[in-house]
């Protein structure tokens, strides 16, 4: 968040870190489901790493100029809370270490709570509450399935994408997330 704040300043924008921490129970189940459906469908089953997703990403990245990731919600939480931006083997090693620690010490509920409070969801917008307020003028506790899916649809590139003015690609991604939300059924945290 701090490094993004400095990037904004360097780009001539005002300093902005819009973040409002909410407890797990103060975030809509729709937002939790949308995060799992869009980012890590095996979140409740794995122990920090989804080796099938990592393998798929490696294979796809060998033959593509567009790099995709295979990180789980746990890995993204470790990166966002404890590490710096960028891609390097050193950062990935630290990410793996911190992922193992949080999976060992935190419940899945706690990991999801932290994730949904620290993930970047727009330019200077961090967490589900700030995103819900900025995009839909309501608390994160009241997000509908469609609104939560719209926010989750922009997670991979929140600075380039919009939850309220979606491109055709984001509308399709929102649709797929909503479809996956129905398929997931209830989440047992």
Protein backbone atom coordinates (compact mmCIF):
# COMPACT_ATOMS: atom_id res chain seq x y z
CA UNK A 1 0.00 0.00 0.00
CA UNK A 2 2.81 2.38 0.89
CA UNK A 3 4.71 1.66 -2.33
CA UNK A 4 1.52 2.19 -4.36
CA UNK A 5 1.00 5.47 -2.52
CA UNK A 6 4.46 6.63 -3.58
CA UNK A 7 3.80 5.46 -7.16
CA UNK A 8 0.66 7.63 -7.20
CA UNK A 9 2.64 10.64 -5.93
CA UNK A 10 5.36 10.06 -8.54
CA UNK A 11 2.65 10.01 -11.23
CA UNK A 12 1.42 13.41 -10.04
CA UNK A 13 -1.66 12.07 -8.25
CA UNK A 14 -2.69 12.76 -4.66
CA UNK A 15 -1.65 10.39 -1.89
CA UNK A 16 -4.49 7.90 -1.48
CA UNK A 17 -4.84 4.81 0.65
CA UNK A 18 -8.57 4.19 1.02
CA UNK A 19 -8.91 1.28 3.43
CA UNK A 20 -11.48 0.40 6.08
CA UNK A 21 -10.84 -2.83 8.01
CA UNK A 22 -13.88 -5.05 8.50
CA UNK A 23 -14.14 -8.21 10.57
CA UNK A 24 -14.90 -11.46 8.76
CA UNK A 25 -18.59 -11.33 9.73
CA UNK A 26 -18.92 -7.75 8.46
CA UNK A 27 -18.13 -8.78 4.87
CA UNK A 28 -20.88 -10.24 2.68
CA UNK A 29 -20.77 -13.99 2.07
CA UNK A 30 -21.16 -12.96 -1.57
CA UNK A 31 -17.75 -11.22 -1.49
CA UNK A 32 -16.12 -14.25 0.14
CA UNK A 33 -17.65 -16.59 -2.44
CA UNK A 34 -16.69 -14.29 -5.31
CA UNK A 35 -13.07 -14.21 -4.12
CA UNK A 36 -12.93 -18.00 -3.93
CA UNK A 37 -14.79 -18.44 -7.23
CA UNK A 38 -12.59 -15.97 -9.07
CA UNK A 39 -9.18 -16.49 -7.49
CA UNK A 40 -8.82 -19.87 -5.76
CA UNK A 41 -11.59 -22.43 -6.05
CA UNK A 42 -9.72 -24.98 -3.92
CA UNK A 43 -9.02 -22.47 -1.11
CA UNK A 44 -10.81 -24.47 1.57
CA UNK A 45 -9.09 -27.75 0.59
CA UNK A 46 -5.43 -26.85 0.02
CA UNK A 47 -2.75 -26.06 2.58
CA UNK A 48 -1.50 -22.87 0.95
CA UNK A 49 -0.47 -24.08 -2.49
CA UNK A 50 -2.48 -25.35 -5.45
CA UNK A 51 0.12 -27.38 -7.30
CA UNK A 52 -2.20 -28.10 -10.24
CA UNK A 53 -2.77 -24.35 -10.77
CA UNK A 54 0.97 -23.68 -10.47
CA UNK A 55 1.70 -26.41 -13.04
CA UNK A 56 -0.96 -25.01 -15.42
CA UNK A 57 0.51 -21.51 -15.08
CA UNK A 58 4.05 -22.75 -15.79
CA UNK A 59 2.91 -24.62 -18.91
CA UNK A 60 0.84 -21.69 -20.20
CA UNK A 61 3.60 -19.15 -19.48
CA UNK A 62 6.15 -21.16 -21.48
CA UNK A 63 4.14 -20.61 -24.66
CA UNK A 64 2.61 -17.18 -24.04
CA UNK A 65 3.77 -13.59 -23.78
CA UNK A 66 0.98 -12.86 -21.29
CA UNK A 67 2.08 -14.15 -17.88
CA UNK A 68 -0.59 -15.75 -15.69
CA UNK A 69 -0.23 -16.66 -12.05
CA UNK A 70 -1.04 -19.77 -10.08
CA UNK A 71 -1.04 -18.15 -6.64
CA UNK A 72 -3.63 -19.09 -4.05
CA UNK A 73 -5.47 -16.69 -1.79
CA UNK A 74 -3.06 -17.73 0.96
CA UNK A 75 -0.02 -16.88 -1.19
CA UNK A 76 -1.53 -13.54 -2.22
CA UNK A 77 -2.26 -12.74 1.42
CA UNK A 78 1.34 -13.55 2.39
CA UNK A 79 2.63 -11.33 -0.44
CA UNK A 80 0.29 -8.42 0.32
CA UNK A 81 0.87 -8.43 4.07
CA UNK A 82 4.56 -9.28 4.42
CA UNK A 83 6.35 -8.63 1.12
CA UNK A 84 7.10 -6.14 -1.62
CA UNK A 85 5.77 -5.89 -5.19
CA UNK A 86 7.61 -7.40 -8.11
CA UNK A 87 8.67 -10.77 -9.40
CA UNK A 88 11.84 -12.49 -8.32
CA UNK A 89 12.87 -15.89 -7.05
CA UNK A 90 13.87 -14.37 -3.71
CA UNK A 91 10.43 -12.80 -3.21
CA UNK A 92 8.75 -16.06 -4.26
CA UNK A 93 10.84 -17.97 -1.69
CA UNK A 94 9.79 -15.54 1.05
CA UNK A 95 6.20 -15.80 -0.17
CA UNK A 96 6.32 -19.61 0.15
CA UNK A 97 7.75 -19.31 3.67
CA UNK A 98 5.11 -16.83 4.84
CA UNK A 99 2.35 -18.85 3.12
CA UNK A 100 3.35 -21.93 5.11
CA UNK A 101 3.39 -19.87 8.32
CA UNK A 102 -0.04 -18.34 7.86
CA UNK A 103 -1.55 -21.68 6.84
CA UNK A 104 -0.07 -23.19 9.99
CA UNK A 105 -1.01 -20.35 12.37
CA UNK A 106 -4.20 -18.84 10.93
CA UNK A 107 -7.60 -20.37 10.18
CA UNK A 108 -9.03 -20.18 6.66
CA UNK A 109 -11.50 -17.65 8.05
CA UNK A 110 -8.63 -15.42 9.25
CA UNK A 111 -6.77 -15.76 5.94
CA UNK A 112 -9.92 -14.73 4.04
CA UNK A 113 -10.56 -11.82 6.43
CA UNK A 114 -7.03 -10.46 5.98
CA UNK A 115 -7.10 -11.06 2.22
CA UNK A 116 -10.38 -9.17 1.76
CA UNK A 117 -9.06 -6.27 3.83
CA UNK A 118 -5.67 -5.78 2.17
CA UNK A 119 -6.09 -6.71 -1.51
CA UNK A 120 -5.87 -3.82 -3.94
CA UNK A 121 -9.25 -3.31 -5.58
CA UNK A 122 -8.66 -0.08 -7.46
CA UNK A 123 -6.31 2.90 -7.64
CA UNK A 124 -5.63 3.60 -3.97
CA UNK A 125 -8.55 1.37 -2.93
CA UNK A 126 -7.74 -1.50 -0.55
CA UNK A 127 -10.14 -4.06 0.81
CA UNK A 128 -13.74 -5.04 0.33
CA UNK A 129 -15.21 -2.19 2.40
CA UNK A 130 -13.39 0.56 0.49
CA UNK A 131 -14.28 -1.11 -2.83
CA UNK A 132 -17.95 -1.51 -1.88
CA UNK A 133 -18.14 2.14 -0.80
CA UNK A 134 -16.26 3.47 -3.86
CA UNK A 135 -18.00 1.37 -6.51
CA UNK A 136 -21.50 0.75 -5.12
CA UNK A 137 -21.90 3.32 -2.29
CA UNK A 138 -22.75 0.67 0.29
CA UNK A 139 -21.01 -1.35 3.01
CA UNK A 140 -19.24 -4.61 2.11
CA UNK A 141 -21.78 -6.43 4.29
CA UNK A 142 -24.53 -5.54 1.79
CA UNK A 143 -22.87 -6.50 -1.50
CA UNK A 144 -25.07 -8.53 -3.83
CA UNK A 145 -23.76 -11.54 -5.76
CA UNK A 146 -23.43 -9.46 -8.93
CA UNK A 147 -21.62 -6.58 -7.19
CA UNK A 148 -19.22 -8.92 -5.39
CA UNK A 149 -18.51 -10.76 -8.65
CA UNK A 150 -17.88 -7.42 -10.40
CA UNK A 151 -15.28 -6.51 -7.77
CA UNK A 152 -13.65 -9.96 -7.93
CA UNK A 153 -13.54 -9.73 -11.72
CA UNK A 154 -11.04 -6.86 -11.53
CA UNK A 155 -8.68 -8.49 -8.97
CA UNK A 156 -5.95 -9.47 -11.42
CA UNK A 157 -5.54 -5.90 -12.69
CA UNK A 158 -7.45 -3.46 -10.48
CA UNK A 159 -5.60 -0.42 -11.83
CA UNK A 160 -6.57 -1.17 -15.43
CA UNK A 161 -10.09 -2.47 -14.91
CA UNK A 162 -13.37 -1.14 -13.55
CA UNK A 163 -16.08 -2.87 -11.53
CA UNK A 164 -18.68 -0.25 -12.50
CA UNK A 165 -17.72 0.40 -16.13
CA UNK A 166 -16.76 -3.12 -17.19
CA UNK A 167 -15.36 -4.03 -20.58
CA UNK A 168 -16.76 -7.01 -22.45
CA UNK A 169 -13.93 -9.10 -20.96
CA UNK A 170 -14.80 -8.06 -17.38
CA UNK A 171 -18.52 -8.65 -17.95
CA UNK A 172 -17.68 -12.19 -19.14
CA UNK A 173 -15.34 -12.74 -16.19
CA UNK A 174 -18.09 -11.51 -13.81
CA UNK A 175 -20.50 -14.00 -15.42
CA UNK A 176 -18.01 -16.86 -14.96
CA UNK A 177 -17.41 -15.89 -11.33
CA UNK A 178 -21.16 -15.83 -10.65
CA UNK A 179 -21.49 -19.24 -12.30
CA UNK A 180 -18.66 -20.59 -10.11
CA UNK A 181 -20.27 -19.02 -7.01
CA UNK A 182 -23.43 -21.05 -7.66
CA UNK A 183 -21.39 -24.20 -8.26
CA UNK A 184 -19.40 -23.76 -5.04
CA UNK A 185 -22.47 -23.86 -2.84
CA UNK A 186 -22.06 -22.92 0.83
CA UNK A 187 -18.56 -22.17 2.10
CA UNK A 188 -17.64 -23.85 5.38
CA UNK A 189 -15.05 -21.64 7.04
